[in-house]
C-alpha cells in the first residue's frame, strides 16, 4: 500500500470522526492513529531510535 493511499485513508477516518463524533472524537482518532503509527514503526524492528529519527528527518 502506498504512502499516499495510507494518508488518504487516515484523512478519511479523521473526517468521519469529526463529522459524526465531534471535535473530541477527531482528537481521539488522531491521537490513537499517531500512537498506532509509532508502535508500528517500533514493531518493524526499528525500535525507539527509528521513531525518533523519523521525527528528526522531518524537521530538517
N, C-alpha and C. Protein backbone atom coordinates (compact mmCIF):
# COMPACT_ATOMS: atom_id res chain seq x y z
N UNK A 1 0.85 -1.17 0.00
CA UNK A 1 0.00 0.00 0.00
C UNK A 1 0.91 1.24 0.00
N UNK A 2 0.61 2.18 -0.88
CA UNK A 2 1.45 3.36 -0.98
C UNK A 2 1.21 4.32 0.18
N UNK A 3 2.17 5.20 0.39
CA UNK A 3 2.07 6.18 1.46
C UNK A 3 0.92 7.15 1.20
N UNK A 4 0.73 7.53 -0.05
CA UNK A 4 -0.37 8.45 -0.38
C UNK A 4 -1.73 7.82 -0.08
N UNK A 5 -1.87 6.55 -0.41
CA UNK A 5 -3.14 5.86 -0.15
C UNK A 5 -3.38 5.72 1.36
N UNK A 6 -2.34 5.40 2.10
CA UNK A 6 -2.47 5.30 3.55
C UNK A 6 -2.84 6.65 4.15
N UNK A 7 -2.25 7.71 3.66
CA UNK A 7 -2.59 9.05 4.14
C UNK A 7 -4.03 9.42 3.81
N UNK A 8 -4.50 9.01 2.63
CA UNK A 8 -5.88 9.28 2.26
C UNK A 8 -6.85 8.54 3.19
N UNK A 9 -6.57 7.30 3.50
CA UNK A 9 -7.42 6.52 4.41
C UNK A 9 -7.43 7.15 5.80
N UNK A 10 -6.27 7.58 6.29
CA UNK A 10 -6.21 8.23 7.60
C UNK A 10 -7.00 9.54 7.59
N UNK A 11 -6.89 10.30 6.53
CA UNK A 11 -7.65 11.55 6.42
C UNK A 11 -9.14 11.31 6.39
N UNK A 12 -9.57 10.26 5.70
CA UNK A 12 -11.00 9.94 5.65
C UNK A 12 -11.51 9.50 7.02
N UNK A 13 -10.69 8.74 7.76
CA UNK A 13 -11.09 8.32 9.10
C UNK A 13 -11.24 9.53 10.02
N UNK A 14 -10.31 10.47 9.92
CA UNK A 14 -10.40 11.69 10.74
C UNK A 14 -11.62 12.52 10.34
N UNK A 15 -11.90 12.58 9.05
CA UNK A 15 -13.07 13.34 8.59
C UNK A 15 -14.36 12.74 9.10
N UNK A 16 -14.50 11.43 9.03
CA UNK A 16 -15.70 10.78 9.54
C UNK A 16 -15.84 10.97 11.05
N UNK A 17 -14.72 10.87 11.77
CA UNK A 17 -14.78 11.07 13.22
C UNK A 17 -15.19 12.49 13.56
N UNK A 18 -14.66 13.45 12.83
CA UNK A 18 -15.02 14.85 13.07
C UNK A 18 -16.45 15.14 12.70
N UNK A 19 -16.92 14.54 11.63
CA UNK A 19 -18.27 14.79 11.14
C UNK A 19 -19.33 14.18 12.06
N UNK A 20 -19.13 12.94 12.46
CA UNK A 20 -20.16 12.22 13.21
C UNK A 20 -19.94 12.23 14.72
N UNK A 21 -18.71 12.43 15.17
CA UNK A 21 -18.45 12.34 16.59
C UNK A 21 -18.06 13.66 17.24
N UNK A 22 -17.83 14.68 16.45
CA UNK A 22 -17.43 15.97 17.00
C UNK A 22 -15.92 16.09 17.14
N UNK A 23 -15.51 17.21 17.70
CA UNK A 23 -14.09 17.52 17.79
C UNK A 23 -13.35 16.58 18.74
N UNK A 24 -14.01 16.15 19.82
CA UNK A 24 -13.38 15.21 20.76
C UNK A 24 -13.04 13.89 20.10
N UNK A 25 -13.96 13.38 19.28
CA UNK A 25 -13.70 12.14 18.56
C UNK A 25 -12.58 12.32 17.54
N UNK A 26 -12.54 13.49 16.91
CA UNK A 26 -11.48 13.79 15.96
C UNK A 26 -10.12 13.72 16.64
N UNK A 27 -10.00 14.34 17.81
CA UNK A 27 -8.72 14.33 18.54
C UNK A 27 -8.36 12.92 19.00
N UNK A 28 -9.35 12.16 19.44
CA UNK A 28 -9.09 10.79 19.88
C UNK A 28 -8.58 9.94 18.73
N UNK A 29 -9.22 10.03 17.57
CA UNK A 29 -8.78 9.26 16.41
C UNK A 29 -7.38 9.69 15.98
N UNK A 30 -7.10 10.99 15.99
CA UNK A 30 -5.77 11.48 15.62
C UNK A 30 -4.70 10.98 16.59
N UNK A 31 -4.99 11.03 17.88
CA UNK A 31 -4.02 10.58 18.88
C UNK A 31 -3.77 9.07 18.77
N UNK A 32 -4.82 8.30 18.63
CA UNK A 32 -4.65 6.85 18.51
C UNK A 32 -3.99 6.47 17.19
N UNK A 33 -4.25 7.23 16.15
CA UNK A 33 -3.57 6.98 14.88
C UNK A 33 -2.08 7.24 14.99
N UNK A 34 -1.70 8.31 15.66
CA UNK A 34 -0.28 8.59 15.88
C UNK A 34 0.39 7.53 16.74
N UNK A 35 -0.31 7.08 17.76
CA UNK A 35 0.23 6.03 18.61
C UNK A 35 0.38 4.73 17.82
N UNK A 36 -0.61 4.42 17.00
CA UNK A 36 -0.53 3.22 16.17
C UNK A 36 0.62 3.29 15.19
N UNK A 37 0.84 4.47 14.61
CA UNK A 37 1.97 4.64 13.69
C UNK A 37 3.30 4.40 14.41
N UNK A 38 3.45 5.00 15.60
CA UNK A 38 4.70 4.84 16.35
C UNK A 38 4.92 3.39 16.75
N UNK A 39 3.87 2.71 17.19
CA UNK A 39 4.01 1.30 17.56
C UNK A 39 4.31 0.43 16.35
N UNK A 40 3.73 0.77 15.23
CA UNK A 40 4.01 0.03 14.00
C UNK A 40 5.46 0.17 13.57
N UNK A 41 5.99 1.39 13.65
CA UNK A 41 7.40 1.61 13.31
C UNK A 41 8.30 0.83 14.27
N UNK A 42 7.92 0.82 15.53
CA UNK A 42 8.71 0.12 16.53
C UNK A 42 8.65 -1.39 16.30
N UNK A 43 7.47 -1.90 15.95
CA UNK A 43 7.31 -3.34 15.75
C UNK A 43 8.04 -3.83 14.50
N UNK A 44 8.28 -2.95 13.54
CA UNK A 44 9.02 -3.35 12.34
C UNK A 44 10.49 -3.61 12.63
N UNK A 45 10.90 -3.35 13.83
CA UNK A 45 12.27 -3.65 14.21
C UNK A 45 13.14 -2.44 14.36
N UNK A 46 12.59 -1.26 14.16
CA UNK A 46 13.40 -0.06 14.25
C UNK A 46 13.67 0.37 15.67
N UNK A 47 12.78 0.06 16.56
CA UNK A 47 12.94 0.48 17.94
C UNK A 47 12.63 1.95 18.13
N UNK A 48 12.89 2.44 19.30
CA UNK A 48 12.59 3.83 19.65
C UNK A 48 13.45 4.79 18.84
N UNK A 49 14.68 4.44 18.58
CA UNK A 49 15.59 5.32 17.83
C UNK A 49 15.05 5.57 16.42
N UNK A 50 14.47 4.56 15.77
CA UNK A 50 13.94 4.72 14.43
C UNK A 50 12.76 5.69 14.42
N UNK A 51 11.89 5.60 15.42
CA UNK A 51 10.76 6.53 15.52
C UNK A 51 11.26 7.95 15.75
N UNK A 52 12.23 8.11 16.64
CA UNK A 52 12.79 9.43 16.91
C UNK A 52 13.46 10.00 15.66
N UNK A 53 14.19 9.18 14.93
CA UNK A 53 14.86 9.64 13.72
C UNK A 53 13.86 10.06 12.65
N UNK A 54 12.69 9.43 12.59
CA UNK A 54 11.67 9.82 11.62
C UNK A 54 11.21 11.25 11.89
N UNK A 55 11.09 11.62 13.16
CA UNK A 55 10.71 12.99 13.50
C UNK A 55 11.86 13.96 13.24
N UNK A 56 13.08 13.54 13.50
CA UNK A 56 14.24 14.39 13.27
C UNK A 56 14.42 14.72 11.78
N UNK A 57 14.21 13.73 10.91
CA UNK A 57 14.36 13.95 9.48
C UNK A 57 13.33 14.93 8.97
N UNK A 58 12.13 14.92 9.53
CA UNK A 58 11.07 15.81 9.03
C UNK A 58 11.34 17.26 9.40
N UNK A 59 12.13 17.53 10.40
CA UNK A 59 12.44 18.90 10.81
C UNK A 59 13.51 19.54 9.95
N UNK A 60 14.33 18.74 9.31
CA UNK A 60 15.47 19.27 8.53
C UNK A 60 15.03 19.80 7.22
